[in-house]
Amino acid sequence: MRDFLKKLDWIVVSVLVFLPITLIGAAIWYSKKYSIGWREISLSVVTFYVLTVTVGVAIHRLWSHAAFKMNKLLEFVFLLLAS
């Protein structure tokens, strides 16, 4: 276990662990100070999932690996959503 802990890049680990915690704390503080409603929260969740699907399916699987073929119109829609 000690060898494993010595091999870790602690700068990367700290960024991957503490940055999300800090951002969640900042979002909670901001929402209490400026009273963010359900509209903003739902838009954030929808935007996150749309970007996740476009990056995962369109950019990565389709354009990087050419894993499948897609209609050009749908490919253009993914391009617009990813940008």
PDB file of N, CA and C in Angstrom:
ATOM      1  N   MET A   1       0.820  -1.196   0.000  1.00  0.00           N
ATOM      2  CA  MET A   1       0.000   0.000   0.000  1.00  0.00           C
ATOM      3  C   MET A   1       0.863   1.258   0.000  1.00  0.00           C
ATOM      4  N   ARG A   2       1.994   1.205   0.693  1.00  0.00           N
ATOM      5  CA  ARG A   2       2.862   2.378   0.735  1.00  0.00           C
ATOM      6  C   ARG A   2       3.457   2.689  -0.629  1.00  0.00           C
ATOM      7  N   ASP A   3       3.787   1.642  -1.387  1.00  0.00           N
ATOM      8  CA  ASP A   3       4.309   1.870  -2.737  1.00  0.00           C
ATOM      9  C   ASP A   3       3.263   2.533  -3.621  1.00  0.00           C
ATOM     10  N   PHE A   4       2.017   2.100  -3.453  1.00  0.00           N
ATOM     11  CA  PHE A   4       0.934   2.694  -4.224  1.00  0.00           C
ATOM     12  C   PHE A   4       0.781   4.173  -3.895  1.00  0.00           C
ATOM     13  N   LEU A   5       0.835   4.514  -2.613  1.00  0.00           N
ATOM     14  CA  LEU A   5       0.695   5.908  -2.207  1.00  0.00           C
ATOM     15  C   LEU A   5       1.876   6.751  -2.638  1.00  0.00           C
ATOM     16  N   LYS A   6       3.059   6.165  -2.704  1.00  0.00           N
ATOM     17  CA  LYS A   6       4.234   6.915  -3.150  1.00  0.00           C
ATOM     18  C   LYS A   6       4.181   7.201  -4.650  1.00  0.00           C
ATOM     19  N   LYS A   7       3.546   6.304  -5.409  1.00  0.00           N
ATOM     20  CA  LYS A   7       3.480   6.466  -6.855  1.00  0.00           C
ATOM     21  C   LYS A   7       2.433   7.472  -7.305  1.00  0.00           C
ATOM     22  N   LEU A   8       1.531   7.849  -6.413  1.00  0.00           N
ATOM     23  CA  LEU A   8       0.477   8.784  -6.786  1.00  0.00           C
ATOM     24  C   LEU A   8       1.044  10.174  -7.049  1.00  0.00           C
ATOM     25  N   ASP A   9       0.500  10.822  -8.039  1.00  0.00           N
ATOM     26  CA  ASP A   9       0.832  12.214  -8.297  1.00  0.00           C
ATOM     27  C   ASP A   9      -0.126  13.064  -7.452  1.00  0.00           C
ATOM     28  N   TRP A  10       0.368  13.567  -6.337  1.00  0.00           N
ATOM     29  CA  TRP A  10      -0.502  14.204  -5.366  1.00  0.00           C
ATOM     30  C   TRP A  10      -1.086  15.513  -5.852  1.00  0.00           C
ATOM     31  N   ILE A  11      -0.453  16.173  -6.782  1.00  0.00           N
ATOM     32  CA  ILE A  11      -1.040  17.396  -7.356  1.00  0.00           C
ATOM     33  C   ILE A  11      -2.300  17.037  -8.129  1.00  0.00           C
ATOM     34  N   VAL A  12      -2.230  15.996  -8.934  1.00  0.00           N
ATOM     35  CA  VAL A  12      -3.394  15.567  -9.708  1.00  0.00           C
ATOM     36  C   VAL A  12      -4.492  15.054  -8.786  1.00  0.00           C
ATOM     37  N   VAL A  13      -4.116  14.271  -7.782  1.00  0.00           N
ATOM     38  CA  VAL A  13      -5.110  13.747  -6.837  1.00  0.00           C
ATOM     39  C   VAL A  13      -5.804  14.889  -6.110  1.00  0.00           C
ATOM     40  N   SER A  14      -5.046  15.879  -5.682  1.00  0.00           N
ATOM     41  CA  SER A  14      -5.657  16.992  -4.960  1.00  0.00           C
ATOM     42  C   SER A  14      -6.588  17.796  -5.857  1.00  0.00           C
ATOM     43  N   VAL A  15      -6.217  17.973  -7.110  1.00  0.00           N
ATOM     44  CA  VAL A  15      -7.099  18.693  -8.039  1.00  0.00           C
ATOM     45  C   VAL A  15      -8.368  17.884  -8.288  1.00  0.00           C
ATOM     46  N   LEU A  16      -8.236  16.591  -8.512  1.00  0.00           N
ATOM     47  CA  LEU A  16      -9.403  15.761  -8.803  1.00  0.00           C
ATOM     48  C   LEU A  16     -10.316  15.570  -7.601  1.00  0.00           C
ATOM     49  N   VAL A  17      -9.784  15.706  -6.396  1.00  0.00           N
ATOM     50  CA  VAL A  17     -10.607  15.527  -5.202  1.00  0.00           C
ATOM     51  C   VAL A  17     -11.108  16.867  -4.672  1.00  0.00           C
ATOM     52  N   PHE A  18     -10.216  17.830  -4.496  1.00  0.00           N
ATOM     53  CA  PHE A  18     -10.590  19.059  -3.824  1.00  0.00           C
ATOM     54  C   PHE A  18     -11.253  20.085  -4.726  1.00  0.00           C
ATOM     55  N   LEU A  19     -10.960  20.078  -5.999  1.00  0.00           N
ATOM     56  CA  LEU A  19     -11.600  21.040  -6.897  1.00  0.00           C
ATOM     57  C   LEU A  19     -13.109  20.821  -6.990  1.00  0.00           C
ATOM     58  N   PRO A  20     -13.596  19.591  -7.205  1.00  0.00           N
ATOM     59  CA  PRO A  20     -15.056  19.420  -7.214  1.00  0.00           C
ATOM     60  C   PRO A  20     -15.717  19.771  -5.884  1.00  0.00           C
ATOM     61  N   ILE A  21     -15.064  19.432  -4.773  1.00  0.00           N
ATOM     62  CA  ILE A  21     -15.625  19.769  -3.464  1.00  0.00           C
ATOM     63  C   ILE A  21     -15.694  21.287  -3.297  1.00  0.00           C
ATOM     64  N   THR A  22     -14.653  21.984  -3.712  1.00  0.00           N
ATOM     65  CA  THR A  22     -14.630  23.442  -3.628  1.00  0.00           C
ATOM     66  C   THR A  22     -15.692  24.058  -4.527  1.00  0.00           C
ATOM     67  N   LEU A  23     -15.849  23.527  -5.733  1.00  0.00           N
ATOM     68  CA  LEU A  23     -16.847  24.074  -6.653  1.00  0.00           C
ATOM     69  C   LEU A  23     -18.272  23.820  -6.166  1.00  0.00           C
ATOM     70  N   ILE A  24     -18.510  22.666  -5.570  1.00  0.00           N
ATOM     71  CA  ILE A  24     -19.838  22.389  -5.007  1.00  0.00           C
ATOM     72  C   ILE A  24     -20.120  23.341  -3.846  1.00  0.00           C
ATOM     73  N   GLY A  25     -19.121  23.554  -3.004  1.00  0.00           N
ATOM     74  CA  GLY A  25     -19.282  24.512  -1.908  1.00  0.00           C
ATOM     75  C   GLY A  25     -19.540  25.924  -2.413  1.00  0.00           C
ATOM     76  N   ALA A  26     -18.816  26.328  -3.459  1.00  0.00           N
ATOM     77  CA  ALA A  26     -19.031  27.654  -4.035  1.00  0.00           C
ATOM     78  C   ALA A  26     -20.417  27.769  -4.661  1.00  0.00           C
ATOM     79  N   ALA A  27     -20.894  26.702  -5.287  1.00  0.00           N
ATOM     80  CA  ALA A  27     -22.234  26.724  -5.880  1.00  0.00           C
ATOM     81  C   ALA A  27     -23.309  26.829  -4.805  1.00  0.00           C
ATOM     82  N   ILE A  28     -23.119  26.119  -3.700  1.00  0.00           N
ATOM     83  CA  ILE A  28     -24.091  26.210  -2.595  1.00  0.00           C
ATOM     84  C   ILE A  28     -24.084  27.616  -2.008  1.00  0.00           C
ATOM     85  N   TRP A  29     -22.908  28.175  -1.791  1.00  0.00           N
ATOM     86  CA  TRP A  29     -22.807  29.543  -1.265  1.00  0.00           C
ATOM     87  C   TRP A  29     -23.459  30.540  -2.219  1.00  0.00           C
ATOM     88  N   TYR A  30     -23.173  30.415  -3.517  1.00  0.00           N
ATOM     89  CA  TYR A  30     -23.726  31.333  -4.517  1.00  0.00           C
ATOM     90  C   TYR A  30     -25.243  31.211  -4.574  1.00  0.00           C
ATOM     91  N   SER A  31     -25.753  29.986  -4.489  1.00  0.00           N
ATOM     92  CA  SER A  31     -27.200  29.806  -4.569  1.00  0.00           C
ATOM     93  C   SER A  31     -27.902  30.400  -3.357  1.00  0.00           C
ATOM     94  N   LYS A  32     -27.267  30.345  -2.194  1.00  0.00           N
ATOM     95  CA  LYS A  32     -27.877  30.942  -1.002  1.00  0.00           C
ATOM     96  C   LYS A  32     -27.808  32.466  -1.051  1.00  0.00           C
ATOM     97  N   LYS A  33     -26.729  32.986  -1.603  1.00  0.00           N
ATOM     98  CA  LYS A  33     -26.572  34.442  -1.653  1.00  0.00           C
ATOM     99  C   LYS A  33     -27.458  35.073  -2.721  1.00  0.00           C
ATOM    100  N   TYR A  34     -27.547  34.459  -3.902  1.00  0.00           N
ATOM    101  CA  TYR A  34     -28.281  35.050  -5.018  1.00  0.00           C
ATOM    102  C   TYR A  34     -29.583  34.320  -5.330  1.00  0.00           C
ATOM    103  N   SER A  35     -30.000  33.419  -4.509  1.00  0.00           N
ATOM    104  CA  SER A  35     -31.261  32.680  -4.607  1.00  0.00           C
ATOM    105  C   SER A  35     -31.502  32.072  -5.992  1.00  0.00           C
ATOM    106  N   ILE A  36     -30.730  31.049  -6.288  1.00  0.00           N
ATOM    107  CA  ILE A  36     -30.910  30.300  -7.526  1.00  0.00           C
ATOM    108  C   ILE A  36     -32.128  29.411  -7.360  1.00  0.00           C
ATOM    109  N   GLY A  37     -32.970  29.390  -8.394  1.00  0.00           N
ATOM    110  CA  GLY A  37     -34.199  28.604  -8.328  1.00  0.00           C
ATOM    111  C   GLY A  37     -34.075  27.284  -9.063  1.00  0.00           C
ATOM    112  N   TRP A  38     -35.226  26.606  -9.164  1.00  0.00           N
ATOM    113  CA  TRP A  38     -35.257  25.300  -9.817  1.00  0.00           C
ATOM    114  C   TRP A  38     -34.997  25.405 -11.311  1.00  0.00           C
ATOM    115  N   ARG A  39     -35.295  26.537 -11.919  1.00  0.00           N
ATOM    116  CA  ARG A  39     -35.044  26.713 -13.352  1.00  0.00           C
ATOM    117  C   ARG A  39     -33.550  26.631 -13.645  1.00  0.00           C
ATOM    118  N   GLU A  40     -32.753  27.311 -12.871  1.00  0.00           N
ATOM    119  CA  GLU A  40     -31.313  27.285 -13.084  1.00  0.00           C
ATOM    120  C   GLU A  40     -30.727  25.906 -12.816  1.00  0.00           C
ATOM    121  N   ILE A  41     -31.209  25.253 -11.772  1.00  0.00           N
ATOM    122  CA  ILE A  41     -30.709  23.921 -11.450  1.00  0.00           C
ATOM    123  C   ILE A  41     -31.074  22.927 -12.543  1.00  0.00           C
ATOM    124  N   SER A  42     -32.317  22.968 -13.005  1.00  0.00           N
ATOM    125  CA  SER A  42     -32.723  22.031 -14.058  1.00  0.00           C
ATOM    126  C   SER A  42     -32.004  22.314 -15.367  1.00  0.00           C
ATOM    127  N   LEU A  43     -31.782  23.577 -15.700  1.00  0.00           N
ATOM    128  CA  LEU A  43     -31.016  23.900 -16.910  1.00  0.00           C
ATOM    129  C   LEU A  43     -29.577  23.409 -16.806  1.00  0.00           C
ATOM    130  N   SER A  44     -28.998  23.491 -15.635  1.00  0.00           N
ATOM    131  CA  SER A  44     -27.634  22.996 -15.442  1.00  0.00           C
ATOM    132  C   SER A  44     -27.565  21.488 -15.621  1.00  0.00           C
ATOM    133  N   VAL A  45     -28.530  20.776 -15.074  1.00  0.00           N
ATOM    134  CA  VAL A  45     -28.543  19.314 -15.196  1.00  0.00           C
ATOM    135  C   VAL A  45     -28.761  18.895 -16.646  1.00  0.00           C
ATOM    136  N   VAL A  46     -29.712  19.528 -17.329  1.00  0.00           N
ATOM    137  CA  VAL A  46     -29.975  19.198 -18.735  1.00  0.00           C
ATOM    138  C   VAL A  46     -28.757  19.505 -19.594  1.00  0.00           C
ATOM    139  N   THR A  47     -28.134  20.648 -19.370  1.00  0.00           N
ATOM    140  CA  THR A  47     -26.941  21.006 -20.134  1.00  0.00           C
ATOM    141  C   THR A  47     -25.817  20.008 -19.895  1.00  0.00           C
ATOM    142  N   PHE A  48     -25.639  19.576 -18.665  1.00  0.00           N
ATOM    143  CA  PHE A  48     -24.607  18.593 -18.360  1.00  0.00           C
ATOM    144  C   PHE A  48     -24.839  17.302 -19.125  1.00  0.00           C
ATOM    145  N   TYR A  49     -26.074  16.795 -19.119  1.00  0.00           N
ATOM    146  CA  TYR A  49     -26.354  15.533 -19.799  1.00  0.00           C
ATOM    147  C   TYR A  49     -26.273  15.663 -21.316  1.00  0.00           C
ATOM    148  N   VAL A  50     -26.699  16.784 -21.866  1.00  0.00           N
ATOM    149  CA  VAL A  50     -26.582  16.990 -23.320  1.00  0.00           C
ATOM    150  C   VAL A  50     -25.115  17.016 -23.722  1.00  0.00           C
ATOM    151  N   LEU A  51     -24.289  17.723 -22.981  1.00  0.00           N
ATOM    152  CA  LEU A  51     -22.866  17.778 -23.303  1.00  0.00           C
ATOM    153  C   LEU A  51     -22.190  16.428 -23.107  1.00  0.00           C
ATOM    154  N   THR A  52     -22.601  15.684 -22.085  1.00  0.00           N
ATOM    155  CA  THR A  52     -22.030  14.364 -21.857  1.00  0.00           C
ATOM    156  C   THR A  52     -22.336  13.420 -23.009  1.00  0.00           C
ATOM    157  N   VAL A  53     -23.564  13.434 -23.483  1.00  0.00           N
ATOM    158  CA  VAL A  53     -23.937  12.571 -24.599  1.00  0.00           C
ATOM    159  C   VAL A  53     -23.234  12.994 -25.877  1.00  0.00           C
ATOM    160  N   THR A  54     -23.182  14.297 -26.150  1.00  0.00           N
ATOM    161  CA  THR A  54     -22.529  14.740 -27.389  1.00  0.00           C
ATOM    162  C   THR A  54     -21.039  14.453 -27.375  1.00  0.00           C
ATOM    163  N   VAL A  55     -20.390  14.643 -26.244  1.00  0.00           N
ATOM    164  CA  VAL A  55     -18.964  14.347 -26.181  1.00  0.00           C
ATOM    165  C   VAL A  55     -18.722  12.848 -26.236  1.00  0.00           C
ATOM    166  N   GLY A  56     -19.508  12.086 -25.490  1.00  0.00           N
ATOM    167  CA  GLY A  56     -19.310  10.637 -25.434  1.00  0.00           C
ATOM    168  C   GLY A  56     -19.645   9.931 -26.726  1.00  0.00           C
ATOM    169  N   VAL A  57     -20.758  10.294 -27.327  1.00  0.00           N
ATOM    170  CA  VAL A  57     -21.199   9.603 -28.538  1.00  0.00           C
ATOM    171  C   VAL A  57     -20.599  10.234 -29.774  1.00  0.00           C
ATOM    172  N   ALA A  58     -20.864  11.503 -29.971  1.00  0.00           N
ATOM    173  CA  ALA A  58     -20.495  12.136 -31.240  1.00  0.00           C
ATOM    174  C   ALA A  58     -18.994  12.379 -31.353  1.00  0.00           C
ATOM    175  N   ILE A  59     -18.444  13.107 -30.431  1.00  0.00           N
ATOM    176  CA  ILE A  59     -17.045  13.497 -30.574  1.00  0.00           C
ATOM    177  C   ILE A  59     -16.113  12.308 -30.400  1.00  0.00           C
ATOM    178  N   HIS A  60     -16.337  11.538 -29.362  1.00  0.00           N
ATOM    179  CA  HIS A  60     -15.401  10.457 -29.080  1.00  0.00           C
ATOM    180  C   HIS A  60     -15.630   9.241 -29.967  1.00  0.00           C
ATOM    181  N   ARG A  61     -16.805   8.648 -29.893  1.00  0.00           N
ATOM    182  CA  ARG A  61     -17.042   7.381 -30.605  1.00  0.00           C
ATOM    183  C   ARG A  61     -17.142   7.571 -32.111  1.00  0.00           C
ATOM    184  N   LEU A  62     -17.833   8.605 -32.554  1.00  0.00           N
ATOM    185  CA  LEU A  62     -18.071   8.784 -33.984  1.00  0.00           C
ATOM    186  C   LEU A  62     -16.854   9.376 -34.685  1.00  0.00           C
ATOM    187  N   TRP A  63     -16.342  10.477 -34.179  1.00  0.00           N
ATOM    188  CA  TRP A  63     -15.284  11.183 -34.899  1.00  0.00           C
ATOM    189  C   TRP A  63     -13.890  10.674 -34.577  1.00  0.00           C
ATOM    190  N   SER A  64     -13.664  10.211 -33.371  1.00  0.00           N
ATOM    191  CA  SER A  64     -12.323   9.724 -33.029  1.00  0.00           C
ATOM    192  C   SER A  64     -12.086   8.293 -33.505  1.00  0.00           C
ATOM    193  N   HIS A  65     -13.063   7.419 -33.260  1.00  0.00           N
ATOM    194  CA  HIS A  65     -12.883   6.006 -33.580  1.00  0.00           C
ATOM    195  C   HIS A  65     -13.579   5.579 -34.861  1.00  0.00           C
ATOM    196  N   ALA A  66     -14.488   6.392 -35.362  1.00  0.00           N
ATOM    197  CA  ALA A  66     -15.329   6.013 -36.515  1.00  0.00           C
ATOM    198  C   ALA A  66     -15.995   4.671 -36.247  1.00  0.00           C
ATOM    199  N   ALA A  67     -16.565   4.540 -35.051  1.00  0.00           N
ATOM    200  CA  ALA A  67     -17.139   3.277 -34.605  1.00  0.00           C
ATOM    201  C   ALA A  67     -18.452   2.947 -35.300  1.00  0.00           C
ATOM    202  N   PHE A  68     -19.132   3.958 -35.823  1.00  0.00           N
ATOM    203  CA  PHE A  68     -20.405   3.723 -36.496  1.00  0.00           C
ATOM    204  C   PHE A  68     -20.651   4.863 -37.477  1.00  0.00           C
ATOM    205  N   LYS A  69     -21.668   4.699 -38.296  1.00  0.00           N
ATOM    206  CA  LYS A  69     -22.064   5.739 -39.249  1.00  0.00           C
ATOM    207  C   LYS A  69     -23.320   6.416 -38.739  1.00  0.00           C
ATOM    208  N   MET A  70     -23.456   7.690 -39.075  1.00  0.00           N
ATOM    209  CA  MET A  70     -24.600   8.459 -38.615  1.00  0.00           C
ATOM    210  C   MET A  70     -25.095   9.339 -39.754  1.00  0.00           C
ATOM    211  N   ASN A  71     -26.382   9.614 -39.751  1.00  0.00           N
ATOM    212  CA  ASN A  71     -26.959  10.527 -40.713  1.00  0.00           C
ATOM    213  C   ASN A  71     -26.251  11.883 -40.605  1.00  0.00           C
ATOM    214  N   LYS A  72     -25.980  12.522 -41.744  1.00  0.00           N
ATOM    215  CA  LYS A  72     -25.243  13.794 -41.743  1.00  0.00           C
ATOM    216  C   LYS A  72     -25.998  14.894 -41.000  1.00  0.00           C
ATOM    217  N   LEU A  73     -27.313  14.893 -41.073  1.00  0.00           N
ATOM    218  CA  LEU A  73     -28.096  15.898 -40.353  1.00  0.00           C
ATOM    219  C   LEU A  73     -27.945  15.704 -38.844  1.00  0.00           C
ATOM    220  N   LEU A  74     -28.042  14.466 -38.390  1.00  0.00           N
ATOM    221  CA  LEU A  74     -27.864  14.179 -36.965  1.00  0.00           C
ATOM    222  C   LEU A  74     -26.433  14.476 -36.520  1.00  0.00           C
ATOM    223  N   GLU A  75     -25.482  14.203 -37.384  1.00  0.00           N
ATOM    224  CA  GLU A  75     -24.088  14.530 -37.073  1.00  0.00           C
ATOM    225  C   GLU A  75     -23.909  16.044 -36.927  1.00  0.00           C
ATOM    226  N   PHE A  76     -24.590  16.807 -37.785  1.00  0.00           N
ATOM    227  CA  PHE A  76     -24.532  18.258 -37.693  1.00  0.00           C
ATOM    228  C   PHE A  76     -25.183  18.749 -36.395  1.00  0.00           C
ATOM    229  N   VAL A  77     -26.279  18.126 -35.982  1.00  0.00           N
ATOM    230  CA  VAL A  77     -26.932  18.495 -34.727  1.00  0.00           C
ATOM    231  C   VAL A  77     -25.998  18.223 -33.555  1.00  0.00           C
ATOM    232  N   PHE A  78     -25.324  17.078 -33.561  1.00  0.00           N
ATOM    233  CA  PHE A  78     -24.345  16.786 -32.506  1.00  0.00           C
ATOM    234  C   PHE A  78     -23.208  17.806 -32.525  1.00  0.00           C
ATOM    235  N   LEU A  79     -22.792  18.200 -33.699  1.00  0.00           N
ATOM    236  CA  LEU A  79     -21.737  19.201 -33.818  1.00  0.00           C
ATOM    237  C   LEU A  79     -22.173  20.513 -33.186  1.00  0.00           C
ATOM    238  N   LEU A  80     -23.393  20.937 -33.459  1.00  0.00           N
ATOM    239  CA  LEU A  80     -23.899  22.166 -32.867  1.00  0.00           C
ATOM    240  C   LEU A  80     -24.048  22.063 -31.347  1.00  0.00           C
ATOM    241  N   LEU A  81     -24.545  20.920 -30.871  1.00  0.00           N
ATOM    242  CA  LEU A  81     -24.705  20.736 -29.433  1.00  0.00           C
ATOM    243  C   LEU A  81     -23.363  20.679 -28.709  1.00  0.00           C
ATOM    244  N   ALA A  82     -22.375  20.108 -29.349  1.00  0.00           N
ATOM    245  CA  ALA A  82     -21.052  19.995 -28.713  1.00  0.00           C
ATOM    246  C   ALA A  82     -20.323  21.324 -28.684  1.00  0.00           C
ATOM    247  N   SER A  83     -20.681  22.220 -29.572  1.00  0.00           N
ATOM    248  CA  SER A  83     -19.989  23.510 -29.585  1.00  0.00           C
ATOM    249  C   SER A  83     -20.678  24.425 -28.624  1.00  0.00           C
TER     250      SER A  83
END
